[in-house]
N, C-alpha and C. Protein backbone atom coordinates (compact mmCIF):
# COMPACT_ATOMS: atom_id res chain seq x y z
N UNK A 1 252.42 -20.94 116.45
CA UNK A 1 252.81 -20.53 115.10
C UNK A 1 254.12 -19.74 115.12
N UNK A 2 254.95 -19.99 114.12
CA UNK A 2 256.25 -19.32 114.03
C UNK A 2 256.06 -17.86 113.62
N UNK A 3 256.59 -16.96 114.42
CA UNK A 3 256.42 -15.53 114.14
C UNK A 3 257.67 -14.99 113.43
N UNK A 4 257.46 -14.49 112.22
CA UNK A 4 258.58 -13.98 111.43
C UNK A 4 259.18 -12.72 112.03
N UNK A 5 258.32 -11.86 112.58
CA UNK A 5 258.83 -10.61 113.13
C UNK A 5 259.79 -10.85 114.29
N UNK A 6 259.41 -11.78 115.17
CA UNK A 6 260.29 -12.09 116.31
C UNK A 6 261.63 -12.63 115.82
N UNK A 7 261.56 -13.55 114.85
CA UNK A 7 262.79 -14.14 114.31
C UNK A 7 263.66 -13.04 113.68
N UNK A 8 263.04 -12.16 112.92
CA UNK A 8 263.79 -11.08 112.26
C UNK A 8 264.44 -10.17 113.28
N UNK A 9 263.68 -9.89 114.37
CA UNK A 9 264.24 -9.03 115.42
C UNK A 9 265.47 -9.68 116.04
N UNK A 10 265.37 -11.01 116.31
CA UNK A 10 266.51 -11.71 116.90
C UNK A 10 267.71 -11.67 115.96
N UNK A 11 267.48 -11.93 114.69
CA UNK A 11 268.58 -11.94 113.72
C UNK A 11 269.22 -10.55 113.62
N UNK A 12 268.38 -9.50 113.56
CA UNK A 12 268.93 -8.16 113.41
C UNK A 12 269.73 -7.75 114.65
N UNK A 13 269.24 -8.11 115.86
CA UNK A 13 270.00 -7.76 117.06
C UNK A 13 271.31 -8.54 117.10
N UNK A 14 271.28 -9.81 116.68
CA UNK A 14 272.51 -10.60 116.65
C UNK A 14 273.52 -9.99 115.70
N UNK A 15 273.07 -9.62 114.50
CA UNK A 15 274.01 -9.05 113.53
C UNK A 15 274.52 -7.69 114.01
N UNK A 16 273.65 -6.92 114.68
CA UNK A 16 274.11 -5.63 115.22
C UNK A 16 275.19 -5.84 116.26
N UNK A 17 274.99 -6.81 117.16
CA UNK A 17 275.99 -7.10 118.18
C UNK A 17 277.30 -7.54 117.53
N UNK A 18 277.19 -8.38 116.51
CA UNK A 18 278.39 -8.87 115.82
C UNK A 18 279.14 -7.71 115.18
N UNK A 19 278.42 -6.84 114.49
CA UNK A 19 279.04 -5.67 113.86
C UNK A 19 279.70 -4.79 114.91
N UNK A 20 279.00 -4.59 116.02
CA UNK A 20 279.52 -3.75 117.10
C UNK A 20 280.85 -4.31 117.61
N UNK A 21 280.86 -5.64 117.81
CA UNK A 21 282.10 -6.27 118.29
C UNK A 21 283.22 -6.11 117.28
N UNK A 22 282.89 -6.30 115.99
CA UNK A 22 283.93 -6.16 114.96
C UNK A 22 284.48 -4.74 114.93
N UNK A 23 283.59 -3.75 115.06
CA UNK A 23 284.02 -2.35 115.05
C UNK A 23 284.93 -2.08 116.24
N UNK A 24 284.55 -2.61 117.41
CA UNK A 24 285.37 -2.41 118.61
C UNK A 24 286.76 -3.02 118.41
N UNK A 25 286.82 -4.24 117.86
CA UNK A 25 288.13 -4.88 117.67
C UNK A 25 288.95 -4.11 116.64
N UNK A 26 288.30 -3.62 115.60
CA UNK A 26 289.01 -2.81 114.60
C UNK A 26 289.57 -1.55 115.23
N UNK A 27 288.74 -0.90 116.08
CA UNK A 27 289.20 0.32 116.76
C UNK A 27 290.42 0.03 117.61
N UNK A 28 290.37 -1.06 118.37
CA UNK A 28 291.50 -1.37 119.25
C UNK A 28 292.75 -1.69 118.43
N UNK A 29 292.58 -2.41 117.30
CA UNK A 29 293.73 -2.71 116.44
C UNK A 29 294.32 -1.42 115.90
N UNK A 30 293.45 -0.51 115.46
CA UNK A 30 293.92 0.76 114.91
C UNK A 30 294.64 1.57 115.97
N UNK A 31 294.09 1.59 117.21
CA UNK A 31 294.74 2.33 118.31
C UNK A 31 296.10 1.73 118.61
N UNK A 32 296.19 0.40 118.62
CA UNK A 32 297.48 -0.25 118.85
C UNK A 32 298.47 0.13 117.77
N UNK A 33 298.01 0.16 116.51
CA UNK A 33 298.88 0.52 115.40
C UNK A 33 299.38 1.95 115.58
N UNK A 34 298.47 2.88 115.95
CA UNK A 34 298.85 4.27 116.17
C UNK A 34 299.88 4.36 117.29
N UNK A 35 299.63 3.63 118.36
CA UNK A 35 300.53 3.65 119.51
C UNK A 35 301.93 3.21 119.09
N UNK A 36 301.99 2.10 118.35
CA UNK A 36 303.29 1.55 117.93
C UNK A 36 304.01 2.52 117.00
N UNK A 37 303.27 3.08 116.03
CA UNK A 37 303.93 3.99 115.08
C UNK A 37 304.40 5.26 115.79
N UNK A 38 303.61 5.72 116.77
CA UNK A 38 304.02 6.90 117.54
C UNK A 38 305.30 6.59 118.31
N UNK A 39 305.37 5.42 118.92
CA UNK A 39 306.54 4.99 119.67
C UNK A 39 307.77 4.93 118.77
N UNK A 40 307.58 4.35 117.59
CA UNK A 40 308.69 4.24 116.63
C UNK A 40 309.17 5.64 116.22
N UNK A 41 308.21 6.55 115.98
CA UNK A 41 308.57 7.91 115.59
C UNK A 41 309.37 8.57 116.71
N UNK A 42 308.96 8.37 117.95
CA UNK A 42 309.69 8.95 119.08
C UNK A 42 311.11 8.41 119.15
N UNK A 43 311.25 7.10 118.94
CA UNK A 43 312.58 6.48 118.97
C UNK A 43 313.45 7.06 117.87
N UNK A 44 312.87 7.19 116.66
CA UNK A 44 313.64 7.74 115.54
C UNK A 44 314.06 9.18 115.83
N UNK A 45 313.12 9.95 116.38
CA UNK A 45 313.43 11.35 116.68
C UNK A 45 314.53 11.44 117.73
N UNK A 46 314.45 10.60 118.76
CA UNK A 46 315.47 10.66 119.81
C UNK A 46 316.81 10.20 119.25
N UNK A 47 316.82 9.22 118.35
CA UNK A 47 318.06 8.78 117.71
C UNK A 47 318.68 9.94 116.93
N UNK A 48 317.86 10.66 116.17
CA UNK A 48 318.37 11.80 115.41
C UNK A 48 318.90 12.87 116.34
N UNK A 49 318.24 13.07 117.47
CA UNK A 49 318.69 14.09 118.42
C UNK A 49 320.04 13.70 119.01
N UNK A 50 320.23 12.39 119.27
CA UNK A 50 321.51 11.96 119.83
C UNK A 50 322.63 12.10 118.81
N UNK A 51 322.32 11.90 117.53
CA UNK A 51 323.36 11.96 116.50
C UNK A 51 323.90 13.36 116.32
N UNK A 52 323.11 14.38 116.64
CA UNK A 52 323.57 15.76 116.42
C UNK A 52 324.71 16.16 117.34
């Protein structure tokens, strides 16, 4: 007989794993964005320092 609880458990663990992966990828994208913007800010600051 098909057990609904087992099926529900499998679905919920699958969706949790999927959400976890999405969160991880979002975090890495955000970190990359921060890294790039920080780098750009450093370049701009060094450019301003050279102009003085």
